[in-house]
Amino acid sequence: MSSARDEVLARVGAAIAGSESPPAARDYRRAAATGPEQRVELFCARVADYRAEVLQIGVDAIPAAAEAICRELGVRRIGVPPTLLADWRPRSLSVVEDHGLTPRYLDRLDGALTGCTAAVAETGTIVLTSHGHDGRRALTLVPDLHICVVREAQISMLLPEALDRLVEQGLAASPITFVSGPSATSDIELDRVEGVHGPRRLHVLVVKEAT
């Protein structure tokens, strides 16, 4: 098997030797002239289209909003990144900081509360990089509930704009997770099954910060 593979790779290498690939086309939209209100409105609409719950609130209302979500779902214990702001943490819940918790322990949590690095209005996508308030990738994938705080200023209209932000913040080489709604698949007989690859429930708190 190895010798056959080596032969195939050698033939491919010989066939393309000396050839140059044409530069990739960059004629797609890389920026959009839209105002912040348009971006926020579209982002909220697209997030809702994915069957996620979205709520627009002020920054001071984050703990109360998270508590209300958890109370409705019967959630009592949530995981948070160690760097999550104290002003964002619910007071009436058991809050567990993730200092490298094992997957088994994470699975016993009822949910997770994190921030994000960026968001894309056109696709309703949240961008996580495991930096800042994002938390580890495992924290946002293993628990059944993810409550994600998205600040309005983090919302770009287009994906290239969001990626440019990652470059500006020095995060382009980080492991990046794109979240568009709760985890779901329809691979088996086209039946939608949620919670296979990540949280079954996604609640997005879109926050307008005080100016």
Foldseek 3Di string as FASTA:
>chain_A
DVVVVVVVVVVVCVVCPPPDDDDDDPPDDQADPDDLVVLVVLLCVLLVVLVAAEDEDALQCQQVVVVVVCVVVVFAEEEFAPQPDPSNHHDRHHYHHCPPDDLVVLLPHQAYEFEAQAAERQNSKTKHQCDHRRHDPSRQFRHQEYEYEYESVRYGHDPSVNLVSCVVVVRNPGDMDIDRYFAWDLPPVRDIDTNPGGHRHYYYYYYYYDD
